[in-house]
Amino acid sequence: FPSHDIDAASDDLDFPQYWYEAVIYGLAIRLAPEFGYPLQDRMVLKQEAEAIKKRAMDFDHDTGSIYFQPEAR
């Protein structure tokens, strides 16, 4: 799938809105060591991030079917 550069404050992530918090927490986990965030606090952050990611993954599960067929001309 195409990737998008997020290089301005006006750019939006190409994710459903319910994934934004999960993405933010995932980035926070990746950046925490670089910014000297203590290990114990990072472990708490990771637990929070996992819960938020699970909530996002459980958010939207379509139960219907979709069918594709060629157009008969």
N, C-alpha and C. Protein backbone atom coordinates (compact mmCIF):
# COMPACT_ATOMS: atom_id res chain seq x y z
N PHE A 1 0.84 -1.17 0.00
CA PHE A 1 0.00 0.00 0.00
C PHE A 1 0.88 1.23 0.00
N PRO A 2 0.35 2.34 -0.47
CA PRO A 2 1.19 3.55 -0.55
C PRO A 2 1.46 4.12 0.82
N SER A 3 2.66 4.61 1.00
CA SER A 3 2.98 5.27 2.26
C SER A 3 2.88 6.77 2.07
N HIS A 4 2.64 7.45 3.16
CA HIS A 4 2.47 8.89 3.10
C HIS A 4 3.47 9.54 4.03
N ASP A 5 4.04 10.64 3.58
CA ASP A 5 4.94 11.41 4.43
C ASP A 5 4.12 12.31 5.34
N ILE A 6 4.44 12.28 6.61
CA ILE A 6 3.82 13.19 7.56
C ILE A 6 4.92 14.18 7.92
N ASP A 7 4.96 15.28 7.20
CA ASP A 7 6.05 16.24 7.40
C ASP A 7 5.56 17.66 7.64
N ALA A 8 4.26 17.79 7.91
CA ALA A 8 3.70 19.10 8.23
C ALA A 8 2.56 18.91 9.23
N ALA A 9 2.32 19.92 10.03
CA ALA A 9 1.27 19.83 11.04
C ALA A 9 -0.11 19.63 10.41
N SER A 10 -0.28 20.02 9.18
CA SER A 10 -1.57 19.89 8.52
C SER A 10 -1.78 18.51 7.88
N ASP A 11 -0.75 17.66 7.85
CA ASP A 11 -0.87 16.32 7.27
C ASP A 11 -1.64 15.41 8.22
N ASP A 12 -2.42 14.51 7.65
CA ASP A 12 -3.16 13.53 8.43
C ASP A 12 -2.58 12.14 8.22
N LEU A 13 -2.68 11.32 9.25
CA LEU A 13 -2.28 9.92 9.10
C LEU A 13 -3.29 9.21 8.21
N ASP A 14 -2.82 8.25 7.43
CA ASP A 14 -3.70 7.49 6.56
C ASP A 14 -4.19 6.25 7.30
N PHE A 15 -4.85 6.48 8.42
CA PHE A 15 -5.41 5.43 9.26
C PHE A 15 -6.79 5.88 9.69
N PRO A 16 -7.66 4.93 10.03
CA PRO A 16 -8.93 5.35 10.64
C PRO A 16 -8.64 6.09 11.95
N GLN A 17 -9.51 7.00 12.31
CA GLN A 17 -9.28 7.83 13.49
C GLN A 17 -9.11 7.02 14.76
N TYR A 18 -9.78 5.88 14.88
CA TYR A 18 -9.66 5.08 16.09
C TYR A 18 -8.28 4.43 16.23
N TRP A 19 -7.43 4.53 15.23
CA TRP A 19 -6.06 4.01 15.32
C TRP A 19 -5.05 5.09 15.73
N TYR A 20 -5.43 6.35 15.71
CA TYR A 20 -4.49 7.43 16.00
C TYR A 20 -3.78 7.26 17.33
N GLU A 21 -4.55 6.98 18.38
CA GLU A 21 -3.94 6.86 19.71
C GLU A 21 -2.96 5.68 19.76
N ALA A 22 -3.30 4.57 19.10
CA ALA A 22 -2.41 3.42 19.07
C ALA A 22 -1.10 3.76 18.35
N VAL A 23 -1.18 4.51 17.27
CA VAL A 23 0.01 4.93 16.53
C VAL A 23 0.86 5.85 17.40
N ILE A 24 0.22 6.79 18.07
CA ILE A 24 0.95 7.73 18.92
C ILE A 24 1.68 6.99 20.04
N TYR A 25 1.00 6.07 20.70
CA TYR A 25 1.63 5.31 21.77
C TYR A 25 2.76 4.42 21.23
N GLY A 26 2.57 3.84 20.05
CA GLY A 26 3.64 3.05 19.45
C GLY A 26 4.88 3.88 19.18
N LEU A 27 4.68 5.09 18.68
CA LEU A 27 5.81 5.99 18.45
C LEU A 27 6.46 6.40 19.76
N ALA A 28 5.63 6.62 20.79
CA ALA A 28 6.19 7.00 22.09
C ALA A 28 7.09 5.89 22.64
N ILE A 29 6.68 4.65 22.47
CA ILE A 29 7.51 3.53 22.94
C ILE A 29 8.85 3.51 22.18
N ARG A 30 8.79 3.74 20.88
CA ARG A 30 10.01 3.73 20.07
C ARG A 30 10.96 4.86 20.44
N LEU A 31 10.41 6.02 20.81
CA LEU A 31 11.24 7.20 21.10
C LEU A 31 11.65 7.31 22.56
N ALA A 32 10.99 6.60 23.46
CA ALA A 32 11.25 6.74 24.89
C ALA A 32 12.71 6.52 25.28
N PRO A 33 13.39 5.47 24.80
CA PRO A 33 14.79 5.29 25.18
C PRO A 33 15.69 6.44 24.72
N GLU A 34 15.42 6.95 23.53
CA GLU A 34 16.23 8.03 22.99
C GLU A 34 16.12 9.30 23.83
N PHE A 35 14.96 9.48 24.46
CA PHE A 35 14.74 10.67 25.27
C PHE A 35 14.96 10.41 26.76
N GLY A 36 15.55 9.26 27.09
CA GLY A 36 15.94 8.97 28.46
C GLY A 36 14.78 8.66 29.40
N TYR A 37 13.67 8.19 28.85
CA TYR A 37 12.53 7.81 29.68
C TYR A 37 12.93 6.60 30.51
N PRO A 38 12.73 6.61 31.83
CA PRO A 38 13.16 5.51 32.68
C PRO A 38 12.51 4.17 32.30
N LEU A 39 13.26 3.10 32.48
CA LEU A 39 12.80 1.77 32.09
C LEU A 39 11.48 1.40 32.74
N GLN A 40 11.34 1.66 34.00
CA GLN A 40 10.10 1.31 34.70
C GLN A 40 8.90 2.05 34.08
N ASP A 41 9.08 3.30 33.77
CA ASP A 41 8.01 4.08 33.13
C ASP A 41 7.73 3.58 31.72
N ARG A 42 8.77 3.13 31.02
CA ARG A 42 8.57 2.59 29.67
C ARG A 42 7.76 1.31 29.71
N MET A 43 7.94 0.51 30.74
CA MET A 43 7.17 -0.72 30.87
C MET A 43 5.68 -0.41 31.08
N VAL A 44 5.40 0.61 31.87
CA VAL A 44 4.00 1.04 32.06
C VAL A 44 3.44 1.57 30.74
N LEU A 45 4.24 2.37 30.05
CA LEU A 45 3.83 2.92 28.76
C LEU A 45 3.53 1.80 27.77
N LYS A 46 4.37 0.78 27.78
CA LYS A 46 4.17 -0.36 26.86
C LYS A 46 2.87 -1.09 27.18
N GLN A 47 2.56 -1.28 28.45
CA GLN A 47 1.30 -1.93 28.82
C GLN A 47 0.10 -1.10 28.35
N GLU A 48 0.19 0.20 28.54
CA GLU A 48 -0.89 1.08 28.08
C GLU A 48 -1.03 1.00 26.56
N ALA A 49 0.09 0.99 25.87
CA ALA A 49 0.08 0.94 24.41
C ALA A 49 -0.54 -0.36 23.91
N GLU A 50 -0.23 -1.46 24.57
CA GLU A 50 -0.80 -2.75 24.17
C GLU A 50 -2.32 -2.76 24.36
N ALA A 51 -2.79 -2.18 25.45
CA ALA A 51 -4.24 -2.11 25.70
C ALA A 51 -4.92 -1.23 24.66
N ILE A 52 -4.29 -0.11 24.32
CA ILE A 52 -4.86 0.80 23.33
C ILE A 52 -4.87 0.15 21.95
N LYS A 53 -3.81 -0.57 21.61
CA LYS A 53 -3.75 -1.26 20.33
C LYS A 53 -4.82 -2.34 20.25
N LYS A 54 -5.01 -3.08 21.33
CA LYS A 54 -6.05 -4.11 21.35
C LYS A 54 -7.43 -3.49 21.15
N ARG A 55 -7.67 -2.35 21.81
CA ARG A 55 -8.96 -1.67 21.66
C ARG A 55 -9.17 -1.24 20.20
N ALA A 56 -8.12 -0.75 19.56
CA ALA A 56 -8.23 -0.34 18.15
C ALA A 56 -8.48 -1.55 17.26
N MET A 57 -7.79 -2.64 17.52
CA MET A 57 -7.97 -3.84 16.70
C MET A 57 -9.36 -4.45 16.87
N ASP A 58 -9.93 -4.31 18.05
CA ASP A 58 -11.26 -4.85 18.31
C ASP A 58 -12.38 -3.91 17.89
N PHE A 59 -12.05 -2.71 17.47
CA PHE A 59 -13.05 -1.68 17.23
C PHE A 59 -14.01 -2.01 16.10
N ASP A 60 -13.50 -2.37 14.96
CA ASP A 60 -14.35 -2.47 13.77
C ASP A 60 -14.15 -3.81 13.08
N HIS A 61 -15.06 -4.71 13.32
CA HIS A 61 -15.02 -6.01 12.65
C HIS A 61 -16.31 -6.16 11.87
N ASP A 62 -16.21 -6.05 10.58
CA ASP A 62 -17.39 -6.23 9.74
C ASP A 62 -17.81 -7.68 9.75
N THR A 63 -19.09 -7.91 9.87
CA THR A 63 -19.59 -9.28 9.89
C THR A 63 -20.29 -9.64 8.59
N GLY A 64 -20.41 -8.71 7.69
CA GLY A 64 -21.08 -8.97 6.42
C GLY A 64 -20.11 -9.49 5.38
N SER A 65 -20.68 -9.89 4.28
CA SER A 65 -19.88 -10.41 3.16
C SER A 65 -19.89 -9.40 2.03
N ILE A 66 -18.89 -9.50 1.19
CA ILE A 66 -18.84 -8.68 0.00
C ILE A 66 -18.54 -9.60 -1.18
N TYR A 67 -19.22 -9.37 -2.27
CA TYR A 67 -19.06 -10.22 -3.44
C TYR A 67 -18.66 -9.35 -4.63
N PHE A 68 -17.70 -9.82 -5.40
CA PHE A 68 -17.25 -9.15 -6.61
C PHE A 68 -17.57 -10.03 -7.80
N GLN A 69 -18.01 -9.40 -8.86
CA GLN A 69 -18.23 -10.15 -10.10
C GLN A 69 -18.01 -9.20 -11.26
N PRO A 70 -17.59 -9.72 -12.40
CA PRO A 70 -17.38 -8.85 -13.54
C PRO A 70 -18.72 -8.34 -14.08
N GLU A 71 -18.66 -7.15 -14.65
CA GLU A 71 -19.86 -6.57 -15.24
C GLU A 71 -20.10 -7.24 -16.59
N ALA A 72 -21.30 -7.75 -16.78
CA ALA A 72 -21.63 -8.42 -18.05
C ALA A 72 -22.09 -7.35 -19.05
N ARG A 73 -21.35 -7.22 -20.13
CA ARG A 73 -21.73 -6.25 -21.18
C ARG A 73 -21.98 -6.93 -22.46
